[in-house]
């Protein structure tokens, strides 16, 4: 355990930040799962709507530094490609 006040404060700050980042990452995953569930159901309109709701939440994870911006771009791109493929299937 840290003895210096600034080190104790840093430990508290890290714990808060870790909890916040974990919640953000979990929220992002939940939204992605909702989109994937809609895709698997085969309903393109529902999948498109789920992605429209999920996209800002996923991008927020990148802007807050929880996920890398290229990872976020790749996930959104692949989800939208899968939704677009529903029309031809």
C-alpha atoms as a PDB file:
ATOM      1  CA  UNK A   1       0.000   0.000   0.000  1.00  0.00           C
ATOM      2  CA  UNK A   2       1.227   3.480  -0.835  1.00  0.00           C
ATOM      3  CA  UNK A   3       2.338   5.760   2.002  1.00  0.00           C
ATOM      4  CA  UNK A   4       2.550   9.025   0.087  1.00  0.00           C
ATOM      5  CA  UNK A   5      -0.670  11.025  -0.219  1.00  0.00           C
ATOM      6  CA  UNK A   6      -0.272  11.663  -3.948  1.00  0.00           C
ATOM      7  CA  UNK A   7       0.275   7.938  -4.551  1.00  0.00           C
ATOM      8  CA  UNK A   8      -2.875   7.099  -2.561  1.00  0.00           C
ATOM      9  CA  UNK A   9      -4.805   9.639  -4.634  1.00  0.00           C
ATOM     10  CA  UNK A  10      -3.425   8.124  -7.842  1.00  0.00           C
ATOM     11  CA  UNK A  11      -4.648   4.682  -6.734  1.00  0.00           C
ATOM     12  CA  UNK A  12      -8.149   6.098  -6.158  1.00  0.00           C
ATOM     13  CA  UNK A  13      -8.124   7.858  -9.534  1.00  0.00           C
ATOM     14  CA  UNK A  14      -6.965   4.717 -11.330  1.00  0.00           C
ATOM     15  CA  UNK A  15      -9.715   2.643  -9.704  1.00  0.00           C
ATOM     16  CA  UNK A  16     -12.369   5.158 -10.798  1.00  0.00           C
ATOM     17  CA  UNK A  17     -11.000   5.395 -14.326  1.00  0.00           C
ATOM     18  CA  UNK A  18     -10.744   1.614 -14.660  1.00  0.00           C
ATOM     19  CA  UNK A  19     -14.377   1.181 -13.576  1.00  0.00           C
ATOM     20  CA  UNK A  20     -15.506   3.866 -16.035  1.00  0.00           C
ATOM     21  CA  UNK A  21     -13.533   2.363 -18.927  1.00  0.00           C
ATOM     22  CA  UNK A  22     -14.798  -1.138 -18.152  1.00  0.00           C
ATOM     23  CA  UNK A  23     -18.379   0.147 -18.212  1.00  0.00           C
ATOM     24  CA  UNK A  24     -17.781   1.928 -21.537  1.00  0.00           C
ATOM     25  CA  UNK A  25     -16.234  -1.156 -23.122  1.00  0.00           C
ATOM     26  CA  UNK A  26     -19.074  -3.348 -21.851  1.00  0.00           C
ATOM     27  CA  UNK A  27     -21.659  -0.886 -23.184  1.00  0.00           C
ATOM     28  CA  UNK A  28     -19.947  -0.904 -26.589  1.00  0.00           C
ATOM     29  CA  UNK A  29     -19.983  -4.720 -26.686  1.00  0.00           C
ATOM     30  CA  UNK A  30     -23.675  -4.783 -25.729  1.00  0.00           C
ATOM     31  CA  UNK A  31     -24.601  -2.478 -28.600  1.00  0.00           C
ATOM     32  CA  UNK A  32     -22.534  -4.568 -31.029  1.00  0.00           C
ATOM     33  CA  UNK A  33     -24.326  -7.724 -29.835  1.00  0.00           C
ATOM     34  CA  UNK A  34     -27.697  -6.050 -30.421  1.00  0.00           C
ATOM     35  CA  UNK A  35     -26.705  -5.294 -34.016  1.00  0.00           C
ATOM     36  CA  UNK A  36     -25.409  -8.845 -34.555  1.00  0.00           C
ATOM     37  CA  UNK A  37     -28.640 -10.308 -33.134  1.00  0.00           C
ATOM     38  CA  UNK A  38     -30.658  -8.150 -35.527  1.00  0.00           C
ATOM     39  CA  UNK A  39     -28.459  -9.292 -38.441  1.00  0.00           C
ATOM     40  CA  UNK A  40     -28.926 -12.957 -37.520  1.00  0.00           C
ATOM     41  CA  UNK A  41     -32.699 -12.492 -37.383  1.00  0.00           C
ATOM     42  CA  UNK A  42     -32.509 -11.527 -41.067  1.00  0.00           C
ATOM     43  CA  UNK A  43     -34.451  -8.269 -40.678  1.00  0.00           C
ATOM     44  CA  UNK A  44     -32.449  -5.630 -42.533  1.00  0.00           C
ATOM     45  CA  UNK A  45     -34.535  -2.681 -41.295  1.00  0.00           C
ATOM     46  CA  UNK A  46     -34.104  -3.704 -37.650  1.00  0.00           C
ATOM     47  CA  UNK A  47     -30.389  -4.305 -38.168  1.00  0.00           C
ATOM     48  CA  UNK A  48     -29.943  -0.908 -39.830  1.00  0.00           C
ATOM     49  CA  UNK A  49     -31.796   0.790 -36.949  1.00  0.00           C
ATOM     50  CA  UNK A  50     -29.700  -1.096 -34.355  1.00  0.00           C
ATOM     51  CA  UNK A  51     -26.507   0.029 -36.103  1.00  0.00           C
ATOM     52  CA  UNK A  52     -27.765   3.629 -36.284  1.00  0.00           C
ATOM     53  CA  UNK A  53     -28.222   3.569 -32.495  1.00  0.00           C
ATOM     54  CA  UNK A  54     -24.973   1.672 -31.824  1.00  0.00           C
ATOM     55  CA  UNK A  55     -22.657   3.713 -34.030  1.00  0.00           C
ATOM     56  CA  UNK A  56     -22.356   6.830 -31.821  1.00  0.00           C
ATOM     57  CA  UNK A  57     -21.849   4.651 -28.748  1.00  0.00           C
ATOM     58  CA  UNK A  58     -19.092   2.660 -30.458  1.00  0.00           C
ATOM     59  CA  UNK A  59     -17.391   5.835 -31.692  1.00  0.00           C
ATOM     60  CA  UNK A  60     -17.629   7.346 -28.208  1.00  0.00           C
ATOM     61  CA  UNK A  61     -15.479   4.452 -26.962  1.00  0.00           C
ATOM     62  CA  UNK A  62     -12.799   5.489 -29.456  1.00  0.00           C
ATOM     63  CA  UNK A  63     -12.985   9.174 -28.566  1.00  0.00           C
ATOM     64  CA  UNK A  64     -12.627   8.336 -24.864  1.00  0.00           C
ATOM     65  CA  UNK A  65      -9.606   6.128 -25.555  1.00  0.00           C
ATOM     66  CA  UNK A  66     -11.238   2.845 -24.545  1.00  0.00           C
ATOM     67  CA  UNK A  67     -10.918   1.357 -28.035  1.00  0.00           C
ATOM     68  CA  UNK A  68      -8.545   2.271 -30.847  1.00  0.00           C
ATOM     69  CA  UNK A  69     -10.139   4.369 -33.597  1.00  0.00           C
ATOM     70  CA  UNK A  70      -9.086   1.905 -36.321  1.00  0.00           C
ATOM     71  CA  UNK A  71     -10.685  -0.963 -34.393  1.00  0.00           C
ATOM     72  CA  UNK A  72     -13.910   1.009 -34.106  1.00  0.00           C
ATOM     73  CA  UNK A  73     -13.853   1.906 -37.806  1.00  0.00           C
ATOM     74  CA  UNK A  74     -13.289  -1.745 -38.711  1.00  0.00           C
ATOM     75  CA  UNK A  75     -16.140  -2.979 -36.491  1.00  0.00           C
ATOM     76  CA  UNK A  76     -18.619  -0.432 -37.885  1.00  0.00           C
ATOM     77  CA  UNK A  77     -17.520  -1.150 -41.444  1.00  0.00           C
ATOM     78  CA  UNK A  78     -17.914  -4.913 -41.048  1.00  0.00           C
ATOM     79  CA  UNK A  79     -21.304  -4.587 -39.365  1.00  0.00           C
ATOM     80  CA  UNK A  80     -22.603  -2.292 -42.106  1.00  0.00           C
ATOM     81  CA  UNK A  81     -21.252  -4.644 -44.794  1.00  0.00           C
ATOM     82  CA  UNK A  82     -23.106  -7.553 -43.159  1.00  0.00           C
ATOM     83  CA  UNK A  83     -26.307  -5.479 -43.055  1.00  0.00           C
ATOM     84  CA  UNK A  84     -25.888  -4.532 -46.705  1.00  0.00           C
ATOM     85  CA  UNK A  85     -25.388  -8.213 -47.587  1.00  0.00           C
ATOM     86  CA  UNK A  86     -28.823  -9.016 -46.081  1.00  0.00           C
ATOM     87  CA  UNK A  87     -30.480  -7.273 -49.044  1.00  0.00           C
ATOM     88  CA  UNK A  88     -28.846  -9.573 -51.581  1.00  0.00           C
ATOM     89  CA  UNK A  89     -29.321 -12.727 -49.506  1.00  0.00           C
END
